[in-house]
C-alpha atoms as a PDB file:
ATOM      1  CA  MET A   1     -25.779   8.196  97.705  1.00  0.00           C
ATOM      2  CA  ALA A   2     -26.195   8.129  93.931  1.00  0.00           C
ATOM      3  CA  VAL A   3     -24.480  10.791  91.829  1.00  0.00           C
ATOM      4  CA  THR A   4     -27.827  12.151  90.634  1.00  0.00           C
ATOM      5  CA  GLU A   5     -29.097  12.419  94.217  1.00  0.00           C
ATOM      6  CA  VAL A   6     -26.048  14.467  95.159  1.00  0.00           C
ATOM      7  CA  LEU A   7     -26.579  16.660  92.099  1.00  0.00           C
ATOM      8  CA  ALA A   8     -30.252  17.107  93.030  1.00  0.00           C
ATOM      9  CA  GLU A   9     -29.340  18.184  96.564  1.00  0.00           C
ATOM     10  CA  GLU A  10     -26.633  20.567  95.337  1.00  0.00           C
ATOM     11  CA  LEU A  11     -28.976  22.090  92.749  1.00  0.00           C
ATOM     12  CA  LEU A  12     -31.763  22.598  95.288  1.00  0.00           C
ATOM     13  CA  ALA A  13     -29.342  24.139  97.777  1.00  0.00           C
ATOM     14  CA  ALA A  14     -27.949  26.537  95.166  1.00  0.00           C
ATOM     15  CA  ILE A  15     -31.396  27.595  93.930  1.00  0.00           C
ATOM     16  CA  GLY A  16     -32.597  28.026  97.503  1.00  0.00           C
ATOM     17  CA  LEU A  17     -29.632  30.241  98.378  1.00  0.00           C
ATOM     18  CA  VAL A  18     -30.136  32.403  95.286  1.00  0.00           C
ATOM     19  CA  ARG A  19     -33.823  32.882  96.148  1.00  0.00           C
ATOM     20  CA  ARG A  20     -33.108  33.620  99.830  1.00  0.00           C
ATOM     21  CA  HIS A  21     -30.360  36.133  99.051  1.00  0.00           C
ATOM     22  CA  LEU A  22     -32.615  37.898  96.558  1.00  0.00           C
ATOM     23  CA  ARG A  23     -35.520  37.937  98.986  1.00  0.00           C
ATOM     24  CA  ARG A  24     -33.319  39.336 101.771  1.00  0.00           C
ATOM     25  CA  SER A  25     -31.757  41.959  99.506  1.00  0.00           C
ATOM     26  CA  VAL A  26     -34.821  43.058  97.584  1.00  0.00           C
ATOM     27  CA  GLY A  27     -37.726  41.759  99.660  1.00  0.00           C
ATOM     28  CA  ARG A  28     -41.121  41.195  98.137  1.00  0.00           C
ATOM     29  CA  PRO A  29     -43.091  43.933  96.420  1.00  0.00           C
ATOM     30  CA  PHE A  30     -45.740  45.525  98.613  1.00  0.00           C
ATOM     31  CA  PRO A  31     -48.720  43.858  96.976  1.00  0.00           C
ATOM     32  CA  LEU A  32     -47.105  40.434  97.301  1.00  0.00           C
ATOM     33  CA  SER A  33     -45.821  40.792 100.864  1.00  0.00           C
ATOM     34  CA  ALA A  34     -49.138  39.886 102.491  1.00  0.00           C
ATOM     35  CA  LEU A  35     -50.083  37.176  99.981  1.00  0.00           C
ATOM     36  CA  THR A  36     -49.856  33.421 100.198  1.00  0.00           C
ATOM     37  CA  ASP A  37     -47.292  31.769  97.957  1.00  0.00           C
ATOM     38  CA  SER A  38     -50.057  30.594  95.600  1.00  0.00           C
ATOM     39  CA  GLN A  39     -51.521  34.094  95.336  1.00  0.00           C
ATOM     40  CA  ALA A  40     -48.091  35.626  94.692  1.00  0.00           C
ATOM     41  CA  GLU A  41     -47.333  32.983  92.072  1.00  0.00           C
ATOM     42  CA  LEU A  42     -50.595  33.783  90.279  1.00  0.00           C
ATOM     43  CA  VAL A  43     -49.776  37.509  90.326  1.00  0.00           C
ATOM     44  CA  ARG A  44     -46.352  36.785  88.783  1.00  0.00           C
ATOM     45  CA  THR A  45     -47.973  34.523  86.165  1.00  0.00           C
ATOM     46  CA  VAL A  46     -50.463  37.229  85.185  1.00  0.00           C
ATOM     47  CA  ARG A  47     -47.677  39.826  85.029  1.00  0.00           C
ATOM     48  CA  ARG A  48     -45.750  37.636  82.598  1.00  0.00           C
ATOM     49  CA  ASN A  49     -48.921  36.767  80.619  1.00  0.00           C
ATOM     50  CA  PRO A  50     -51.379  39.700  80.609  1.00  0.00           C
ATOM     51  CA  GLY A  51     -54.767  38.543  79.356  1.00  0.00           C
ATOM     52  CA  ILE A  52     -54.208  34.927  80.417  1.00  0.00           C
ATOM     53  CA  SER A  53     -57.403  32.990  81.120  1.00  0.00           C
ATOM     54  CA  VAL A  54     -58.169  31.277  84.388  1.00  0.00           C
ATOM     55  CA  ALA A  55     -57.823  27.869  82.694  1.00  0.00           C
ATOM     56  CA  GLU A  56     -54.477  28.814  81.117  1.00  0.00           C
ATOM     57  CA  ALA A  57     -53.176  30.118  84.449  1.00  0.00           C
ATOM     58  CA  ALA A  58     -54.302  26.906  86.146  1.00  0.00           C
ATOM     59  CA  ALA A  59     -52.440  24.818  83.564  1.00  0.00           C
ATOM     60  CA  GLU A  60     -49.278  26.889  83.937  1.00  0.00           C
ATOM     61  CA  LEU A  61     -49.377  26.712  87.728  1.00  0.00           C
ATOM     62  CA  GLY A  62     -50.335  23.040  87.854  1.00  0.00           C
ATOM     63  CA  LEU A  63     -53.542  23.801  89.744  1.00  0.00           C
ATOM     64  CA  VAL A  64     -57.181  23.014  89.067  1.00  0.00           C
ATOM     65  CA  ALA A  65     -59.245  25.836  87.556  1.00  0.00           C
ATOM     66  CA  ASN A  66     -61.510  26.062  90.647  1.00  0.00           C
ATOM     67  CA  THR A  67     -58.498  26.787  92.854  1.00  0.00           C
ATOM     68  CA  VAL A  68     -57.241  29.498  90.501  1.00  0.00           C
ATOM     69  CA  SER A  69     -60.748  30.956  90.284  1.00  0.00           C
ATOM     70  CA  THR A  70     -60.796  31.225  94.090  1.00  0.00           C
ATOM     71  CA  LEU A  71     -57.370  32.910  94.052  1.00  0.00           C
ATOM     72  CA  VAL A  72     -58.561  35.307  91.343  1.00  0.00           C
ATOM     73  CA  GLY A  73     -61.548  36.265  93.500  1.00  0.00           C
ATOM     74  CA  GLN A  74     -59.293  36.942  96.479  1.00  0.00           C
ATOM     75  CA  LEU A  75     -56.824  38.998  94.433  1.00  0.00           C
ATOM     76  CA  THR A  76     -59.601  40.935  92.716  1.00  0.00           C
ATOM     77  CA  GLU A  77     -61.045  41.871  96.116  1.00  0.00           C
ATOM     78  CA  ARG A  78     -57.586  43.150  97.138  1.00  0.00           C
ATOM     79  CA  GLY A  79     -57.409  45.335  94.038  1.00  0.00           C
ATOM     80  CA  LEU A  80     -54.497  43.437  92.483  1.00  0.00           C
ATOM     81  CA  LEU A  81     -56.199  41.677  89.569  1.00  0.00           C
ATOM     82  CA  GLN A  82     -58.794  42.660  87.019  1.00  0.00           C
ATOM     83  CA  ARG A  83     -61.032  40.045  85.474  1.00  0.00           C
ATOM     84  CA  THR A  84     -62.579  40.924  82.116  1.00  0.00           C
ATOM     85  CA  PRO A  85     -64.731  38.748  79.857  1.00  0.00           C
ATOM     86  CA  ASP A  86     -63.069  37.485  76.663  1.00  0.00           C
ATOM     87  CA  ALA A  87     -64.325  39.366  73.597  1.00  0.00           C
ATOM     88  CA  SER A  88     -65.107  36.190  71.632  1.00  0.00           C
ATOM     89  CA  ASP A  89     -66.264  33.920  74.472  1.00  0.00           C
ATOM     90  CA  ARG A  90     -67.971  35.678  77.382  1.00  0.00           C
ATOM     91  CA  ARG A  91     -67.641  32.522  79.518  1.00  0.00           C
ATOM     92  CA  VAL A  92     -63.844  32.985  79.587  1.00  0.00           C
ATOM     93  CA  ALA A  93     -62.326  35.523  81.992  1.00  0.00           C
ATOM     94  CA  ARG A  94     -59.103  37.296  80.982  1.00  0.00           C
ATOM     95  CA  LEU A  95     -56.776  38.373  83.794  1.00  0.00           C
ATOM     96  CA  THR A  96     -54.579  41.438  84.063  1.00  0.00           C
ATOM     97  CA  LEU A  97     -52.889  43.205  86.933  1.00  0.00           C
ATOM     98  CA  THR A  98     -54.336  46.489  88.085  1.00  0.00           C
ATOM     99  CA  GLU A  99     -52.087  49.422  87.218  1.00  0.00           C
ATOM    100  CA  PRO A 100     -50.849  50.021  90.808  1.00  0.00           C
ATOM    101  CA  ALA A 101     -50.085  46.308  91.248  1.00  0.00           C
ATOM    102  CA  ARG A 102     -48.301  46.123  87.884  1.00  0.00           C
ATOM    103  CA  GLU A 103     -46.151  49.163  88.673  1.00  0.00           C
ATOM    104  CA  GLN A 104     -45.106  47.800  92.077  1.00  0.00           C
ATOM    105  CA  VAL A 105     -44.414  44.277  90.815  1.00  0.00           C
ATOM    106  CA  GLU A 106     -42.390  45.586  87.861  1.00  0.00           C
ATOM    107  CA  ALA A 107     -40.358  47.908  90.108  1.00  0.00           C
ATOM    108  CA  TRP A 108     -39.595  44.887  92.313  1.00  0.00           C
ATOM    109  CA  ARG A 109     -38.631  42.836  89.262  1.00  0.00           C
ATOM    110  CA  ASP A 110     -36.347  45.663  88.088  1.00  0.00           C
ATOM    111  CA  ARG A 111     -34.595  45.727  91.492  1.00  0.00           C
ATOM    112  CA  ARG A 112     -34.069  41.949  91.383  1.00  0.00           C
ATOM    113  CA  THR A 113     -32.774  42.108  87.818  1.00  0.00           C
ATOM    114  CA  ALA A 114     -30.351  44.913  88.694  1.00  0.00           C
ATOM    115  CA  LEU A 115     -29.009  42.958  91.674  1.00  0.00           C
ATOM    116  CA  VAL A 116     -28.496  39.785  89.624  1.00  0.00           C
ATOM    117  CA  THR A 117     -26.965  41.804  86.767  1.00  0.00           C
ATOM    118  CA  ARG A 118     -24.371  43.275  89.149  1.00  0.00           C
ATOM    119  CA  ALA A 119     -23.546  39.810  90.471  1.00  0.00           C
ATOM    120  CA  LEU A 120     -23.260  38.414  86.933  1.00  0.00           C
ATOM    121  CA  ASP A 121     -20.969  41.295  85.968  1.00  0.00           C
ATOM    122  CA  ASP A 122     -18.605  40.155  88.727  1.00  0.00           C
ATOM    123  CA  LEU A 123     -18.305  36.673  87.182  1.00  0.00           C
ATOM    124  CA  THR A 124     -15.765  35.777  84.555  1.00  0.00           C
ATOM    125  CA  ALA A 125     -16.861  35.604  80.929  1.00  0.00           C
ATOM    126  CA  ASP A 126     -16.411  31.817  81.076  1.00  0.00           C
ATOM    127  CA  ASP A 127     -18.679  31.541  84.132  1.00  0.00           C
ATOM    128  CA  ARG A 128     -21.365  33.664  82.435  1.00  0.00           C
ATOM    129  CA  ALA A 129     -21.093  31.463  79.337  1.00  0.00           C
ATOM    130  CA  ALA A 130     -21.462  28.347  81.491  1.00  0.00           C
ATOM    131  CA  LEU A 131     -24.604  29.775  83.095  1.00  0.00           C
ATOM    132  CA  ARG A 132     -26.014  30.717  79.698  1.00  0.00           C
ATOM    133  CA  ALA A 133     -25.325  27.196  78.420  1.00  0.00           C
ATOM    134  CA  ALA A 134     -27.076  25.698  81.458  1.00  0.00           C
ATOM    135  CA  LEU A 135     -30.318  27.645  80.912  1.00  0.00           C
ATOM    136  CA  PRO A 136     -31.796  25.222  78.332  1.00  0.00           C
ATOM    137  CA  VAL A 137     -30.964  22.322  80.646  1.00  0.00           C
ATOM    138  CA  LEU A 138     -32.723  24.093  83.536  1.00  0.00           C
ATOM    139  CA  ALA A 139     -35.725  24.806  81.289  1.00  0.00           C
ATOM    140  CA  GLY A 140     -35.899  21.106  80.396  1.00  0.00           C
ATOM    141  CA  LEU A 141     -35.654  20.151  84.066  1.00  0.00           C
ATOM    142  CA  THR A 142     -38.465  22.576  84.847  1.00  0.00           C
ATOM    143  CA  GLU A 143     -40.667  20.912  82.239  1.00  0.00           C
ATOM    144  CA  ARG A 144     -39.976  17.498  83.752  1.00  0.00           C
ATOM    145  CA  LEU A 145     -40.954  18.804  87.189  1.00  0.00           C
ATOM    146  CA  HIS A 146     -44.240  20.301  85.959  1.00  0.00           C
ATOM    147  CA  PRO A 147     -47.131  18.372  87.565  1.00  0.00           C
ATOM    148  CA  PHE A 148     -48.932  17.803  84.239  1.00  0.00           C
ATOM    149  CA  GLU A 149     -45.769  16.397  82.656  1.00  0.00           C
ATOM    150  CA  GLN A 150     -45.388  13.989  85.572  1.00  0.00           C
ATOM    151  CA  GLU A 151     -49.002  12.835  85.214  1.00  0.00           C
ATOM    152  CA  ARG A 152     -48.558  12.274  81.479  1.00  0.00           C
ATOM    153  CA  GLU A 153     -45.482  10.109  82.108  1.00  0.00           C
ATOM    154  CA  ARG A 154     -47.344   7.912  84.612  1.00  0.00           C
ATOM    155  CA  VAL A 155     -50.109   7.093  82.119  1.00  0.00           C
END
């Protein structure tokens, strides 16, 4: 097996374990617990980017706008998202979380952050520095994995 394949498997295993341990320790916030992965991912995207348009959310998630529009309709019906027309272009819908959804998702995020902070505090200063140094590399890897980046490279 090639060195990069081993690295890929080790990276995926480590990321998977981190996510599973967080999910088991903190769970999912109430509004996300009954959602599909795509719906939950859209909710997280809107939380990070209040006022994002459907097209912008689709680009960030690597989905077509029609799919995101369907998800928005489902989440609006559940009382999790609000869709408001853009002030300068009424054809564009701007997305925000409803207040109850925002409060619950942010409380969940705060619990996750506190748990990871405690774990990071247990690491040595050198280990924390190594993690900090790896963040730009992980961000670059994320960009290379983005579906639109992959399509651009094939052309």
